[in-house]
Protein backbone atom coordinates (compact mmCIF):
# COMPACT_ATOMS: atom_id res chain seq x y z
CA MET A 1 45.09 -9.78 3.52
CA GLU A 2 47.79 -10.81 1.07
CA ARG A 3 49.61 -14.10 1.59
CA PRO A 4 53.19 -13.65 2.83
CA LEU A 5 56.15 -14.55 0.63
CA ARG A 6 57.07 -18.12 1.64
CA VAL A 7 60.84 -18.53 1.86
CA VAL A 8 62.61 -21.82 2.57
CA ILE A 9 66.15 -21.34 3.87
CA VAL A 10 68.49 -24.33 3.82
CA GLY A 11 71.94 -24.44 5.41
CA GLY A 12 73.67 -23.72 8.67
CA THR A 13 72.08 -24.54 12.01
CA ALA A 14 68.53 -23.37 11.19
CA HIS A 15 68.45 -21.17 14.30
CA GLU A 16 66.84 -17.78 13.94
CA GLN A 17 69.43 -15.41 12.55
CA GLY A 18 68.85 -11.92 11.34
CA SER A 19 65.50 -10.22 11.08
CA VAL A 20 62.58 -11.29 8.94
CA PRO A 21 60.73 -8.40 7.30
CA ASP A 22 56.96 -8.11 7.43
CA GLY A 23 55.32 -9.97 4.57
CA VAL A 24 57.75 -12.89 4.70
CA SER A 25 57.17 -16.35 6.14
CA VAL A 26 60.40 -18.29 6.68
CA ARG A 27 60.99 -22.02 7.20
CA ARG A 28 64.55 -22.94 8.08
CA PHE A 29 66.23 -26.30 7.56
CA ALA A 30 69.69 -27.07 8.92
CA SER A 31 72.41 -28.58 6.78
CA SER A 32 73.24 -32.26 7.26
CA ARG A 33 76.37 -31.24 9.19
CA TYR A 34 74.21 -29.80 11.96
CA ALA A 35 71.02 -31.87 11.81
CA GLY A 36 71.75 -35.05 9.86
CA ASN A 37 70.58 -35.93 6.37
CA GLY A 38 66.91 -35.87 7.32
CA SER A 39 66.79 -32.09 7.45
CA VAL A 40 67.81 -31.68 3.82
CA ARG A 41 65.33 -34.37 2.78
CA ARG A 42 62.57 -32.55 4.72
CA ALA A 43 63.50 -29.31 2.98
CA ALA A 44 63.30 -30.96 -0.45
CA ALA A 45 59.93 -32.52 0.47
CA ALA A 46 58.59 -29.14 1.61
CA ILE A 47 59.68 -27.55 -1.66
CA ASP A 48 58.22 -30.42 -3.70
CA GLY A 49 55.00 -30.05 -1.68
CA GLY A 50 54.52 -26.44 -2.73
CA SER A 51 55.57 -24.80 0.55
CA ALA A 52 57.96 -22.28 -1.01
CA ASP A 53 57.80 -19.26 -3.27
CA VAL A 54 61.58 -18.95 -3.19
CA VAL A 55 64.39 -21.16 -1.88
CA VAL A 56 67.56 -19.74 -0.34
CA LEU A 57 70.68 -21.89 -0.08
CA LEU A 58 73.29 -20.80 2.44
CA VAL A 59 76.10 -22.55 0.54
CA ARG A 60 78.77 -21.66 3.03
CA TRP A 61 77.14 -24.16 5.40
CA ILE A 62 75.79 -26.94 3.18
CA GLY A 63 77.56 -29.72 1.31
CA HIS A 64 77.36 -30.44 -2.40
CA SER A 65 74.93 -33.35 -2.13
CA GLY A 66 72.53 -31.38 0.08
CA SER A 67 72.75 -28.40 -2.24
CA ASP A 68 72.06 -30.63 -5.25
CA GLN A 69 68.96 -32.15 -3.57
CA VAL A 70 67.49 -28.78 -2.72
CA ARG A 71 68.26 -27.25 -6.12
CA ALA A 72 66.65 -30.23 -7.87
CA ALA A 73 63.48 -29.86 -5.76
CA ALA A 74 63.31 -26.15 -6.58
CA ARG A 75 63.76 -26.89 -10.29
CA ARG A 76 61.02 -29.57 -10.23
CA SER A 77 58.66 -27.17 -8.48
CA GLY A 78 59.46 -24.20 -10.70
CA VAL A 79 60.60 -22.20 -7.68
CA PRO A 80 63.57 -19.81 -7.90
CA CYS A 81 66.60 -20.92 -5.92
CA VAL A 82 68.93 -18.17 -4.73
CA ILE A 83 72.43 -19.09 -3.66
CA ILE A 84 73.88 -16.98 -0.85
CA PRO A 85 77.63 -17.39 -0.37
CA GLY A 86 77.78 -14.96 2.56
CA GLY A 87 76.24 -14.78 5.96
CA VAL A 88 73.21 -13.33 7.65
CA SER A 89 73.66 -9.78 6.34
CA SER A 90 73.51 -11.13 2.76
CA LEU A 91 70.31 -13.00 3.63
CA ASP A 92 68.72 -9.90 5.19
CA ARG A 93 69.50 -7.89 2.06
CA LEU A 94 68.03 -10.61 -0.19
CA LEU A 95 64.75 -10.74 1.76
CA ARG A 96 64.40 -6.96 1.51
CA LEU A 97 65.14 -7.07 -2.22
CA LEU A 98 62.45 -9.72 -2.73
CA LEU A 99 59.95 -7.45 -1.01
CA GLY A 100 61.05 -4.38 -2.95
CA GLU A 101 62.30 -2.60 0.17
CA VAL A 102 65.79 -1.85 -1.16
C-alpha cells in the first residue's frame, strides 16, 4: 500500500474542517491566536522532523511571525509551502489538486 500524502496545515483553530480525501494524512496546528505560540513551534518542529510532504498555511488566520516560522521550516526541509488566503473550500480544492482529482 502506498504511503498517504502527509499534509501539515497551520492556521485557524485546528478543528476538523472540510473533508480529507483518501490518500491524504493531515496534521493540523492552530495559530497562536487560538492555541498560543507553542502550536506554531510544534508545527515547525514537525516539519523540521520530516513529518510533511507539503505544508499549507491558512494565512487568513495566522500572524506574520507564525507564518515566517512555518515557511522557514518548510524551506529548511525542502518541503513545498502553499499559502491559502481563503477558507475551507480553498483548502479542499488544494488537497484534491495535490492528489490529481481535479
